Amino acid sequence: MKTLDAGRLALRVEGEMWNAYWYPRHDTTEGGVFLASTRLNFVVVNAERKKQFMAFCRDVYGDACEAAIGRRPVWSEPEGHPAAEHERAGTA
C-alpha cells in the first residue's frame, strides 16, 4: 500500500495556551488549521493530562484524515518530537 503524506500535527505554546494545528506540509507552517486548545497550566502540572491532550489531538487529526483520504495516519513516534528551532515560539 502506498504511503500518503497527510501533513503534520503540531502542538504550540502560544502565551498561556497550548494549541494544536494541522499543517499540510512538513517544511512550513503556512496553511495551518487550528484543531484544539487547552490552558498550558492544566497540562504542565499533570503529565498524564498532557498525554491525554496529545492523544485527543492525534485522534481528532486522525478523524480528519480518515474523512479526507479514507485512512488514519500511522504515527512514527509515540510522543512526537520537538519542533524545529525556527518554529518555536513562547516557552516551547
PDB file of N, CA and C in Angstrom:
ATOM      1  N   MET A   1       0.849  -1.187   0.000  1.00  0.00           N
ATOM      2  CA  MET A   1       0.000   0.000   0.000  1.00  0.00           C
ATOM      3  C   MET A   1       0.887   1.240   0.000  1.00  0.00           C
ATOM      4  N   LYS A   2       0.581   2.157  -0.863  1.00  0.00           N
ATOM      5  CA  LYS A   2       1.347   3.395  -0.979  1.00  0.00           C
ATOM      6  C   LYS A   2       1.128   4.275   0.249  1.00  0.00           C
ATOM      7  N   THR A   3       2.212   4.881   0.719  1.00  0.00           N
ATOM      8  CA  THR A   3       2.134   5.796   1.850  1.00  0.00           C
ATOM      9  C   THR A   3       1.682   7.160   1.351  1.00  0.00           C
ATOM     10  N   LEU A   4       0.707   7.740   2.021  1.00  0.00           N
ATOM     11  CA  LEU A   4       0.241   9.085   1.689  1.00  0.00           C
ATOM     12  C   LEU A   4       0.719  10.047   2.752  1.00  0.00           C
ATOM     13  N   ASP A   5       1.151  11.219   2.334  1.00  0.00           N
ATOM     14  CA  ASP A   5       1.573  12.236   3.283  1.00  0.00           C
ATOM     15  C   ASP A   5       0.354  13.032   3.713  1.00  0.00           C
ATOM     16  N   ALA A   6      -0.014  12.892   4.965  1.00  0.00           N
ATOM     17  CA  ALA A   6      -1.198  13.576   5.492  1.00  0.00           C
ATOM     18  C   ALA A   6      -0.833  14.858   6.226  1.00  0.00           C
ATOM     19  N   GLY A   7       0.358  15.393   5.971  1.00  0.00           N
ATOM     20  CA  GLY A   7       0.767  16.611   6.653  1.00  0.00           C
ATOM     21  C   GLY A   7       1.318  16.292   8.023  1.00  0.00           C
ATOM     22  N   ARG A   8       1.190  17.256   8.923  1.00  0.00           N
ATOM     23  CA  ARG A   8       1.714  17.033  10.276  1.00  0.00           C
ATOM     24  C   ARG A   8       0.853  17.716  11.310  1.00  0.00           C
ATOM     25  N   LEU A   9       0.915  17.187  12.494  1.00  0.00           N
ATOM     26  CA  LEU A   9       0.244  17.739  13.652  1.00  0.00           C
ATOM     27  C   LEU A   9       1.291  18.460  14.482  1.00  0.00           C
ATOM     28  N   ALA A  10       1.006  19.683  14.891  1.00  0.00           N
ATOM     29  CA  ALA A  10       1.952  20.444  15.701  1.00  0.00           C
ATOM     30  C   ALA A  10       1.231  21.008  16.925  1.00  0.00           C
ATOM     31  N   LEU A  11       1.868  20.867  18.075  1.00  0.00           N
ATOM     32  CA  LEU A  11       1.370  21.444  19.322  1.00  0.00           C
ATOM     33  C   LEU A  11       2.283  22.605  19.673  1.00  0.00           C
ATOM     34  N   ARG A  12       1.702  23.784  19.833  1.00  0.00           N
ATOM     35  CA  ARG A  12       2.477  25.001  20.030  1.00  0.00           C
ATOM     36  C   ARG A  12       2.060  25.730  21.306  1.00  0.00           C
ATOM     37  N   VAL A  13       3.056  26.162  22.065  1.00  0.00           N
ATOM     38  CA  VAL A  13       2.808  27.026  23.213  1.00  0.00           C
ATOM     39  C   VAL A  13       2.664  28.440  22.672  1.00  0.00           C
ATOM     40  N   GLU A  14       1.511  29.041  22.939  1.00  0.00           N
ATOM     41  CA  GLU A  14       1.247  30.405  22.499  1.00  0.00           C
ATOM     42  C   GLU A  14       0.639  31.155  23.674  1.00  0.00           C
ATOM     43  N   GLY A  15       1.482  31.961  24.316  1.00  0.00           N
ATOM     44  CA  GLY A  15       1.030  32.665  25.516  1.00  0.00           C
ATOM     45  C   GLY A  15       0.716  31.672  26.613  1.00  0.00           C
ATOM     46  N   GLU A  16      -0.495  31.716  27.135  1.00  0.00           N
ATOM     47  CA  GLU A  16      -0.919  30.810  28.208  1.00  0.00           C
ATOM     48  C   GLU A  16      -1.644  29.580  27.680  1.00  0.00           C
ATOM     49  N   MET A  17      -1.632  29.408  26.360  1.00  0.00           N
ATOM     50  CA  MET A  17      -2.374  28.310  25.755  1.00  0.00           C
ATOM     51  C   MET A  17      -1.434  27.311  25.079  1.00  0.00           C
ATOM     52  N   TRP A  18      -1.897  26.072  24.983  1.00  0.00           N
ATOM     53  CA  TRP A  18      -1.214  25.043  24.207  1.00  0.00           C
ATOM     54  C   TRP A  18      -2.160  24.703  23.069  1.00  0.00           C
ATOM     55  N   ASN A  19      -1.784  25.071  21.858  1.00  0.00           N
ATOM     56  CA  ASN A  19      -2.654  24.962  20.695  1.00  0.00           C
ATOM     57  C   ASN A  19      -2.179  23.873  19.743  1.00  0.00           C
ATOM     58  N   ALA A  20      -3.129  23.152  19.173  1.00  0.00           N
ATOM     59  CA  ALA A  20      -2.833  22.107  18.200  1.00  0.00           C
ATOM     60  C   ALA A  20      -3.244  22.584  16.817  1.00  0.00           C
ATOM     61  N   TYR A  21      -2.366  22.377  15.842  1.00  0.00           N
ATOM     62  CA  TYR A  21      -2.608  22.756  14.464  1.00  0.00           C
ATOM     63  C   TYR A  21      -2.276  21.582  13.543  1.00  0.00           C
ATOM     64  N   TRP A  22      -2.950  21.521  12.401  1.00  0.00           N
ATOM     65  CA  TRP A  22      -2.585  20.617  11.323  1.00  0.00           C
ATOM     66  C   TRP A  22      -1.963  21.465  10.236  1.00  0.00           C
ATOM     67  N   TYR A  23      -0.821  21.024   9.748  1.00  0.00           N
ATOM     68  CA  TYR A  23      -0.145  21.695   8.643  1.00  0.00           C
ATOM     69  C   TYR A  23      -0.081  20.730   7.465  1.00  0.00           C
ATOM     70  N   PRO A  24      -0.477  21.172   6.277  1.00  0.00           N
ATOM     71  CA  PRO A  24      -0.490  20.271   5.125  1.00  0.00           C
ATOM     72  C   PRO A  24       0.903  19.851   4.660  1.00  0.00           C
ATOM     73  N   ARG A  25       1.918  20.634   4.995  1.00  0.00           N
ATOM     74  CA  ARG A  25       3.285  20.297   4.586  1.00  0.00           C
ATOM     75  C   ARG A  25       4.183  20.233   5.810  1.00  0.00           C
ATOM     76  N   HIS A  26       5.260  19.482   5.697  1.00  0.00           N
ATOM     77  CA  HIS A  26       6.199  19.304   6.808  1.00  0.00           C
ATOM     78  C   HIS A  26       7.236  20.413   6.893  1.00  0.00           C
ATOM     79  N   ASP A  27       7.420  21.157   5.834  1.00  0.00           N
ATOM     80  CA  ASP A  27       8.509  22.121   5.775  1.00  0.00           C
ATOM     81  C   ASP A  27       8.091  23.567   5.997  1.00  0.00           C
ATOM     82  N   THR A  28       6.818  23.784   6.339  1.00  0.00           N
ATOM     83  CA  THR A  28       6.348  25.155   6.544  1.00  0.00           C
ATOM     84  C   THR A  28       5.156  25.164   7.501  1.00  0.00           C
ATOM     85  N   THR A  29       4.932  26.306   8.109  1.00  0.00           N
ATOM     86  CA  THR A  29       3.750  26.475   8.959  1.00  0.00           C
ATOM     87  C   THR A  29       2.628  27.201   8.223  1.00  0.00           C
ATOM     88  N   GLU A  30       2.814  27.428   6.953  1.00  0.00           N
ATOM     89  CA  GLU A  30       1.777  28.088   6.155  1.00  0.00           C
ATOM     90  C   GLU A  30       0.595  27.146   5.952  1.00  0.00           C
ATOM     91  N   GLY A  31      -0.585  27.720   5.942  1.00  0.00           N
ATOM     92  CA  GLY A  31      -1.791  26.932   5.680  1.00  0.00           C
ATOM     93  C   GLY A  31      -2.269  26.113   6.849  1.00  0.00           C
ATOM     94  N   GLY A  32      -1.807  26.446   8.051  1.00  0.00           N
ATOM     95  CA  GLY A  32      -2.191  25.687   9.233  1.00  0.00           C
ATOM     96  C   GLY A  32      -3.676  25.812   9.564  1.00  0.00           C
ATOM     97  N   VAL A  33      -4.224  24.735  10.114  1.00  0.00           N
ATOM     98  CA  VAL A  33      -5.626  24.705  10.541  1.00  0.00           C
ATOM     99  C   VAL A  33      -5.659  24.430  12.041  1.00  0.00           C
ATOM    100  N   PHE A  34      -6.301  25.317  12.796  1.00  0.00           N
ATOM    101  CA  PHE A  34      -6.428  25.157  14.240  1.00  0.00           C
ATOM    102  C   PHE A  34      -7.332  23.965  14.549  1.00  0.00           C
ATOM    103  N   LEU A  35      -6.896  23.085  15.475  1.00  0.00           N
ATOM    104  CA  LEU A  35      -7.674  21.906  15.842  1.00  0.00           C
ATOM    105  C   LEU A  35      -8.215  21.937  17.263  1.00  0.00           C
ATOM    106  N   ALA A  36      -7.358  22.320  18.227  1.00  0.00           N
ATOM    107  CA  ALA A  36      -7.764  22.244  19.636  1.00  0.00           C
ATOM    108  C   ALA A  36      -6.850  23.118  20.476  1.00  0.00           C
ATOM    109  N   SER A  37      -7.281  23.362  21.719  1.00  0.00           N
ATOM    110  CA  SER A  37      -6.504  24.207  22.614  1.00  0.00           C
ATOM    111  C   SER A  37      -6.829  23.871  24.062  1.00  0.00           C
ATOM    112  N   THR A  38      -5.841  24.070  24.928  1.00  0.00           N
ATOM    113  CA  THR A  38      -6.064  23.966  26.367  1.00  0.00           C
ATOM    114  C   THR A  38      -5.144  24.967  27.053  1.00  0.00           C
ATOM    115  N   ARG A  39      -5.511  25.348  28.244  1.00  0.00           N
ATOM    116  CA  ARG A  39      -4.639  26.245  29.006  1.00  0.00           C
ATOM    117  C   ARG A  39      -3.376  25.478  29.381  1.00  0.00           C
ATOM    118  N   LEU A  40      -2.244  26.097  29.212  1.00  0.00           N
ATOM    119  CA  LEU A  40      -0.959  25.469  29.459  1.00  0.00           C
ATOM    120  C   LEU A  40      -0.822  24.967  30.898  1.00  0.00           C
ATOM    121  N   ASN A  41      -1.318  25.744  31.855  1.00  0.00           N
ATOM    122  CA  ASN A  41      -1.157  25.335  33.252  1.00  0.00           C
ATOM    123  C   ASN A  41      -1.896  24.033  33.576  1.00  0.00           C
ATOM    124  N   PHE A  42      -2.882  23.645  32.778  1.00  0.00           N
ATOM    125  CA  PHE A  42      -3.596  22.388  33.018  1.00  0.00           C
ATOM    126  C   PHE A  42      -2.740  21.175  32.684  1.00  0.00           C
ATOM    127  N   VAL A  43      -1.832  21.311  31.724  1.00  0.00           N
ATOM    128  CA  VAL A  43      -1.024  20.170  31.308  1.00  0.00           C
ATOM    129  C   VAL A  43       0.382  20.183  31.896  1.00  0.00           C
ATOM    130  N   VAL A  44       0.874  21.343  32.275  1.00  0.00           N
ATOM    131  CA  VAL A  44       2.214  21.438  32.854  1.00  0.00           C
ATOM    132  C   VAL A  44       2.282  20.720  34.201  1.00  0.00           C
ATOM    133  N   VAL A  45       1.234  20.822  34.966  1.00  0.00           N
ATOM    134  CA  VAL A  45       1.230  20.251  36.319  1.00  0.00           C
ATOM    135  C   VAL A  45       0.810  18.785  36.356  1.00  0.00           C
ATOM    136  N   ASN A  46       0.431  18.210  35.213  1.00  0.00           N
ATOM    137  CA  ASN A  46      -0.090  16.851  35.212  1.00  0.00           C
ATOM    138  C   ASN A  46       0.358  16.134  33.934  1.00  0.00           C
ATOM    139  N   ALA A  47       1.378  15.288  34.057  1.00  0.00           N
ATOM    140  CA  ALA A  47       1.940  14.595  32.896  1.00  0.00           C
ATOM    141  C   ALA A  47       0.910  13.699  32.214  1.00  0.00           C
ATOM    142  N   GLU A  48       0.045  13.063  32.980  1.00  0.00           N
ATOM    143  CA  GLU A  48      -0.976  12.190  32.396  1.00  0.00           C
ATOM    144  C   GLU A  48      -1.976  13.009  31.579  1.00  0.00           C
ATOM    145  N   ARG A  49      -2.361  14.179  32.082  1.00  0.00           N
ATOM    146  CA  ARG A  49      -3.283  15.042  31.340  1.00  0.00           C
ATOM    147  C   ARG A  49      -2.636  15.530  30.045  1.00  0.00           C
ATOM    148  N   LYS A  50      -1.340  15.821  30.103  1.00  0.00           N
ATOM    149  CA  LYS A  50      -0.616  16.230  28.892  1.00  0.00           C
ATOM    150  C   LYS A  50      -0.697  15.117  27.845  1.00  0.00           C
ATOM    151  N   LYS A  51      -0.441  13.878  28.238  1.00  0.00           N
ATOM    152  CA  LYS A  51      -0.522  12.745  27.314  1.00  0.00           C
ATOM    153  C   LYS A  51      -1.939  12.581  26.772  1.00  0.00           C
ATOM    154  N   GLN A  52      -2.938  12.800  27.629  1.00  0.00           N
ATOM    155  CA  GLN A  52      -4.335  12.682  27.198  1.00  0.00           C
ATOM    156  C   GLN A  52      -4.676  13.737  26.156  1.00  0.00           C
ATOM    157  N   PHE A  53      -4.200  14.970  26.363  1.00  0.00           N
ATOM    158  CA  PHE A  53      -4.466  16.030  25.390  1.00  0.00           C
ATOM    159  C   PHE A  53      -3.789  15.722  24.059  1.00  0.00           C
ATOM    160  N   MET A  54      -2.541  15.241  24.119  1.00  0.00           N
ATOM    161  CA  MET A  54      -1.836  14.883  22.897  1.00  0.00           C
ATOM    162  C   MET A  54      -2.567  13.758  22.166  1.00  0.00           C
ATOM    163  N   ALA A  55      -3.056  12.766  22.911  1.00  0.00           N
ATOM    164  CA  ALA A  55      -3.800  11.654  22.310  1.00  0.00           C
ATOM    165  C   ALA A  55      -5.101  12.155  21.688  1.00  0.00           C
ATOM    166  N   PHE A  56      -5.789  13.075  22.377  1.00  0.00           N
ATOM    167  CA  PHE A  56      -7.013  13.668  21.837  1.00  0.00           C
ATOM    168  C   PHE A  56      -6.730  14.370  20.508  1.00  0.00           C
ATOM    169  N   CYS A  57      -5.666  15.160  20.463  1.00  0.00           N
ATOM    170  CA  CYS A  57      -5.323  15.894  19.239  1.00  0.00           C
ATOM    171  C   CYS A  57      -5.002  14.930  18.104  1.00  0.00           C
ATOM    172  N   ARG A  58      -4.268  13.874  18.399  1.00  0.00           N
ATOM    173  CA  ARG A  58      -3.965  12.869  17.371  1.00  0.00           C
ATOM    174  C   ARG A  58      -5.239  12.187  16.884  1.00  0.00           C
ATOM    175  N   ASP A  59      -6.152  11.924  17.801  1.00  0.00           N
ATOM    176  CA  ASP A  59      -7.407  11.265  17.433  1.00  0.00           C
ATOM    177  C   ASP A  59      -8.251  12.162  16.526  1.00  0.00           C
ATOM    178  N   VAL A  60      -8.364  13.446  16.877  1.00  0.00           N
ATOM    179  CA  VAL A  60      -9.117  14.398  16.048  1.00  0.00           C
ATOM    180  C   VAL A  60      -8.469  14.518  14.668  1.00  0.00           C
ATOM    181  N   TYR A  61      -7.161  14.621  14.652  1.00  0.00           N
ATOM    182  CA  TYR A  61      -6.418  14.688  13.394  1.00  0.00           C
ATOM    183  C   TYR A  61      -6.665  13.425  12.573  1.00  0.00           C
ATOM    184  N   GLY A  62      -6.660  12.273  13.239  1.00  0.00           N
ATOM    185  CA  GLY A  62      -6.932  11.007  12.568  1.00  0.00           C
ATOM    186  C   GLY A  62      -8.321  10.966  11.954  1.00  0.00           C
ATOM    187  N   ASP A  63      -9.309  11.506  12.676  1.00  0.00           N
ATOM    188  CA  ASP A  63     -10.674  11.577  12.136  1.00  0.00           C
ATOM    189  C   ASP A  63     -10.707  12.396  10.851  1.00  0.00           C
ATOM    190  N   ALA A  64     -10.012  13.533  10.866  1.00  0.00           N
ATOM    191  CA  ALA A  64      -9.990  14.405   9.684  1.00  0.00           C
ATOM    192  C   ALA A  64      -9.306  13.713   8.509  1.00  0.00           C
ATOM    193  N   CYS A  65      -8.216  13.012   8.780  1.00  0.00           N
ATOM    194  CA  CYS A  65      -7.519  12.282   7.712  1.00  0.00           C
ATOM    195  C   CYS A  65      -8.404  11.184   7.141  1.00  0.00           C
ATOM    196  N   GLU A  66      -9.060  10.448   8.025  1.00  0.00           N
ATOM    197  CA  GLU A  66      -9.922   9.367   7.576  1.00  0.00           C
ATOM    198  C   GLU A  66     -11.049   9.891   6.689  1.00  0.00           C
ATOM    199  N   ALA A  67     -11.608  11.033   7.069  1.00  0.00           N
ATOM    200  CA  ALA A  67     -12.681  11.629   6.273  1.00  0.00           C
ATOM    201  C   ALA A  67     -12.157  12.110   4.912  1.00  0.00           C
ATOM    202  N   ALA A  68     -10.937  12.636   4.892  1.00  0.00           N
ATOM    203  CA  ALA A  68     -10.391  13.210   3.667  1.00  0.00           C
ATOM    204  C   ALA A  68      -9.778  12.176   2.720  1.00  0.00           C
ATOM    205  N   ILE A  69      -9.033  11.200   3.276  1.00  0.00           N
ATOM    206  CA  ILE A  69      -8.301  10.268   2.407  1.00  0.00           C
ATOM    207  C   ILE A  69      -8.655   8.800   2.639  1.00  0.00           C
ATOM    208  N   GLY A  70      -9.567   8.558   3.575  1.00  0.00           N
ATOM    209  CA  GLY A  70     -10.035   7.198   3.778  1.00  0.00           C
ATOM    210  C   GLY A  70      -9.234   6.343   4.737  1.00  0.00           C
ATOM    211  N   ARG A  71      -8.223   6.919   5.374  1.00  0.00           N
ATOM    212  CA  ARG A  71      -7.480   6.161   6.387  1.00  0.00           C
ATOM    213  C   ARG A  71      -6.807   7.094   7.384  1.00  0.00           C
ATOM    214  N   ARG A  72      -6.472   6.514   8.512  1.00  0.00           N
ATOM    215  CA  ARG A  72      -5.876   7.270   9.603  1.00  0.00           C
ATOM    216  C   ARG A  72      -4.354   7.288   9.449  1.00  0.00           C
ATOM    217  N   PRO A  73      -3.694   8.307   9.991  1.00  0.00           N
ATOM    218  CA  PRO A  73      -2.232   8.345   9.921  1.00  0.00           C
ATOM    219  C   PRO A  73      -1.615   7.280  10.821  1.00  0.00           C
ATOM    220  N   VAL A  74      -0.417   6.865  10.468  1.00  0.00           N
ATOM    221  CA  VAL A  74       0.372   5.964  11.298  1.00  0.00           C
ATOM    222  C   VAL A  74       1.453   6.812  11.941  1.00  0.00           C
ATOM    223  N   TRP A  75       1.485   6.830  13.249  1.00  0.00           N
ATOM    224  CA  TRP A  75       2.433   7.683  13.966  1.00  0.00           C
ATOM    225  C   TRP A  75       3.769   6.973  14.080  1.00  0.00           C
ATOM    226  N   SER A  76       4.834   7.645  13.695  1.00  0.00           N
ATOM    227  CA  SER A  76       6.170   7.048  13.735  1.00  0.00           C
ATOM    228  C   SER A  76       6.777   7.102  15.132  1.00  0.00           C
ATOM    229  N   GLU A  77       6.330   8.024  15.944  1.00  0.00           N
ATOM    230  CA  GLU A  77       6.863   8.173  17.295  1.00  0.00           C
ATOM    231  C   GLU A  77       5.696   8.350  18.258  1.00  0.00           C
ATOM    232  N   PRO A  78       5.690   7.583  19.356  1.00  0.00           N
ATOM    233  CA  PRO A  78       4.549   7.670  20.279  1.00  0.00           C
ATOM    234  C   PRO A  78       4.351   9.051  20.912  1.00  0.00           C
ATOM    235  N   GLU A  79       5.407   9.778  21.152  1.00  0.00           N
ATOM    236  CA  GLU A  79       5.299  11.091  21.795  1.00  0.00           C
ATOM    237  C   GLU A  79       5.651  12.236  20.861  1.00  0.00           C
ATOM    238  N   GLY A  80       5.853  11.955  19.588  1.00  0.00           N
ATOM    239  CA  GLY A  80       6.225  13.020  18.662  1.00  0.00           C
ATOM    240  C   GLY A  80       7.675  13.435  18.859  1.00  0.00           C
ATOM    241  N   HIS A  81       8.018  14.597  18.334  1.00  0.00           N
ATOM    242  CA  HIS A  81       9.363  15.128  18.506  1.00  0.00           C
ATOM    243  C   HIS A  81       9.291  16.649  18.553  1.00  0.00           C
ATOM    244  N   PRO A  82      10.302  17.278  19.146  1.00  0.00           N
ATOM    245  CA  PRO A  82      10.282  18.736  19.291  1.00  0.00           C
ATOM    246  C   PRO A  82      10.244  19.451  17.945  1.00  0.00           C
ATOM    247  N   ALA A  83       9.642  20.617  17.946  1.00  0.00           N
ATOM    248  CA  ALA A  83       9.588  21.447  16.745  1.00  0.00           C
ATOM    249  C   ALA A  83      10.983  21.937  16.398  1.00  0.00           C
ATOM    250  N   ALA A  84      11.173  22.214  15.134  1.00  0.00           N
ATOM    251  CA  ALA A  84      12.434  22.810  14.700  1.00  0.00           C
ATOM    252  C   ALA A  84      12.624  24.143  15.419  1.00  0.00           C
ATOM    253  N   GLU A  85      13.858  24.484  15.705  1.00  0.00           N
ATOM    254  CA  GLU A  85      14.158  25.696  16.471  1.00  0.00           C
ATOM    255  C   GLU A  85      13.520  26.942  15.859  1.00  0.00           C
ATOM    256  N   HIS A  86      13.534  27.069  14.530  1.00  0.00           N
ATOM    257  CA  HIS A  86      12.996  28.262  13.885  1.00  0.00           C
ATOM    258  C   HIS A  86      11.464  28.348  13.976  1.00  0.00           C
ATOM    259  N   GLU A  87      10.803  27.251  14.384  1.00  0.00           N
ATOM    260  CA  GLU A  87       9.345  27.253  14.517  1.00  0.00           C
ATOM    261  C   GLU A  87       8.876  27.462  15.953  1.00  0.00           C
ATOM    262  N   ARG A  88       9.802  27.489  16.868  1.00  0.00           N
ATOM    263  CA  ARG A  88       9.419  27.593  18.275  1.00  0.00           C
ATOM    264  C   ARG A  88       9.012  29.015  18.628  1.00  0.00           C
ATOM    265  N   ALA A  89       8.010  29.084  19.519  1.00  0.00           N
ATOM    266  CA  ALA A  89       7.533  30.381  19.999  1.00  0.00           C
ATOM    267  C   ALA A  89       7.260  30.258  21.487  1.00  0.00           C
ATOM    268  N   GLY A  90       7.154  31.356  22.157  1.00  0.00           N
ATOM    269  CA  GLY A  90       6.822  31.331  23.581  1.00  0.00           C
ATOM    270  C   GLY A  90       7.851  30.563  24.366  1.00  0.00           C
ATOM    271  N   THR A  91       7.401  29.639  25.196  1.00  0.00           N
ATOM    272  CA  THR A  91       8.302  28.871  26.049  1.00  0.00           C
ATOM    273  C   THR A  91       8.527  27.471  25.526  1.00  0.00           C
ATOM    274  N   ALA A  92       8.206  27.223  24.261  1.00  0.00           N
ATOM    275  CA  ALA A  92       8.373  25.888  23.673  1.00  0.00           C
ATOM    276  C   ALA A  92       9.818  25.503  23.604  1.00  0.00           C
TER     277      ALA A  92
END
